[in-house]
Structure formats: structure tokens, C-alpha cells
Amino acid sequence: MVKNKEKTLNRVITGRENFTFLVETKKYFSRELV
């Protein structure tokens, strides 16, 4: 059970990092286009 909890936590953290990466990429591209 503990291992499953850790896996879920890791997935949440990775999702958050991916979201931040997407936001940063969006910012970068909108700055390049303007």
C-alpha cells in the first residue's frame, strides 16, 4: 500500500512539473511571436 502511495505522489509531482513546463513554453513562444 505504501509503495502505491509513493507512485501516486510521484505521478502528481511529474504532472505538476509538466504543467509548469507547458506554461513556460507558452510564455516563451508568445514572446517570440510578438
N, C-alpha and C. Protein backbone atom coordinates (compact mmCIF):
# COMPACT_ATOMS: atom_id res chain seq x y z
N MET A 1 0.83 -1.20 0.00
CA MET A 1 0.00 0.00 0.00
C MET A 1 0.87 1.26 0.00
N VAL A 2 1.93 1.23 0.78
CA VAL A 2 2.80 2.40 0.86
C VAL A 2 3.43 2.68 -0.50
N LYS A 3 3.86 1.61 -1.19
CA LYS A 3 4.51 1.80 -2.49
C LYS A 3 3.55 2.44 -3.47
N ASN A 4 2.28 2.02 -3.44
CA ASN A 4 1.29 2.61 -4.34
C ASN A 4 1.14 4.10 -4.06
N LYS A 5 1.15 4.45 -2.77
CA LYS A 5 1.01 5.85 -2.40
C LYS A 5 2.18 6.66 -2.97
N GLU A 6 3.37 6.12 -2.86
CA GLU A 6 4.55 6.82 -3.37
C GLU A 6 4.45 7.01 -4.87
N LYS A 7 3.98 5.97 -5.57
CA LYS A 7 3.84 6.06 -7.02
C LYS A 7 2.88 7.18 -7.39
N THR A 8 1.75 7.25 -6.67
CA THR A 8 0.77 8.30 -6.96
C THR A 8 1.37 9.67 -6.72
N LEU A 9 2.11 9.81 -5.64
CA LEU A 9 2.74 11.08 -5.30
C LEU A 9 3.71 11.49 -6.41
N ASN A 10 4.51 10.52 -6.87
CA ASN A 10 5.46 10.82 -7.94
C ASN A 10 4.72 11.28 -9.20
N ARG A 11 3.61 10.62 -9.49
CA ARG A 11 2.86 10.97 -10.69
C ARG A 11 2.33 12.40 -10.58
N VAL A 12 1.86 12.76 -9.38
CA VAL A 12 1.32 14.11 -9.17
C VAL A 12 2.42 15.14 -9.37
N ILE A 13 3.60 14.86 -8.80
CA ILE A 13 4.72 15.79 -8.92
C ILE A 13 5.12 15.94 -10.39
N THR A 14 5.19 14.82 -11.11
CA THR A 14 5.57 14.88 -12.52
C THR A 14 4.54 15.69 -13.30
N GLY A 15 3.27 15.48 -13.01
CA GLY A 15 2.22 16.23 -13.70
C GLY A 15 2.37 17.72 -13.47
N ARG A 16 2.70 18.08 -12.24
CA ARG A 16 2.87 19.49 -11.91
C ARG A 16 4.05 20.07 -12.69
N GLU A 17 5.14 19.31 -12.77
CA GLU A 17 6.33 19.78 -13.49
C GLU A 17 6.00 19.95 -14.97
N ASN A 18 5.26 18.99 -15.53
CA ASN A 18 4.88 19.08 -16.94
C ASN A 18 4.03 20.32 -17.18
N PHE A 19 3.11 20.61 -16.26
CA PHE A 19 2.24 21.78 -16.39
C PHE A 19 3.08 23.05 -16.38
N THR A 20 4.02 23.14 -15.44
CA THR A 20 4.88 24.32 -15.36
C THR A 20 5.67 24.47 -16.64
N PHE A 21 6.17 23.34 -17.15
CA PHE A 21 6.95 23.37 -18.39
C PHE A 21 6.10 23.90 -19.54
N LEU A 22 4.84 23.45 -19.61
CA LEU A 22 3.95 23.90 -20.67
C LEU A 22 3.71 25.40 -20.56
N VAL A 23 3.49 25.88 -19.35
CA VAL A 23 3.22 27.31 -19.14
C VAL A 23 4.43 28.13 -19.56
N GLU A 24 5.62 27.67 -19.15
CA GLU A 24 6.85 28.40 -19.51
C GLU A 24 7.03 28.42 -21.02
N THR A 25 6.77 27.27 -21.67
CA THR A 25 6.92 27.18 -23.12
C THR A 25 5.95 28.14 -23.80
N LYS A 26 4.73 28.19 -23.30
CA LYS A 26 3.72 29.10 -23.87
C LYS A 26 4.20 30.54 -23.75
N LYS A 27 4.70 30.90 -22.58
CA LYS A 27 5.20 32.26 -22.37
C LYS A 27 6.31 32.56 -23.37
N TYR A 28 7.22 31.62 -23.52
CA TYR A 28 8.38 31.82 -24.39
C TYR A 28 7.92 32.03 -25.83
N PHE A 29 6.97 31.18 -26.28
CA PHE A 29 6.54 31.28 -27.67
C PHE A 29 5.75 32.55 -27.91
N SER A 30 4.92 32.97 -26.98
CA SER A 30 4.15 34.19 -27.20
C SER A 30 5.10 35.38 -27.23
N ARG A 31 6.19 35.31 -26.49
CA ARG A 31 7.16 36.41 -26.50
C ARG A 31 7.89 36.43 -27.85
N GLU A 32 8.16 35.23 -28.39
CA GLU A 32 8.88 35.15 -29.67
C GLU A 32 7.98 35.65 -30.81
N LEU A 33 6.68 35.36 -30.75
CA LEU A 33 5.77 35.70 -31.84
C LEU A 33 5.53 37.21 -31.89
N VAL A 34 5.48 37.84 -30.75
CA VAL A 34 5.17 39.29 -30.70
C VAL A 34 6.32 40.10 -31.30
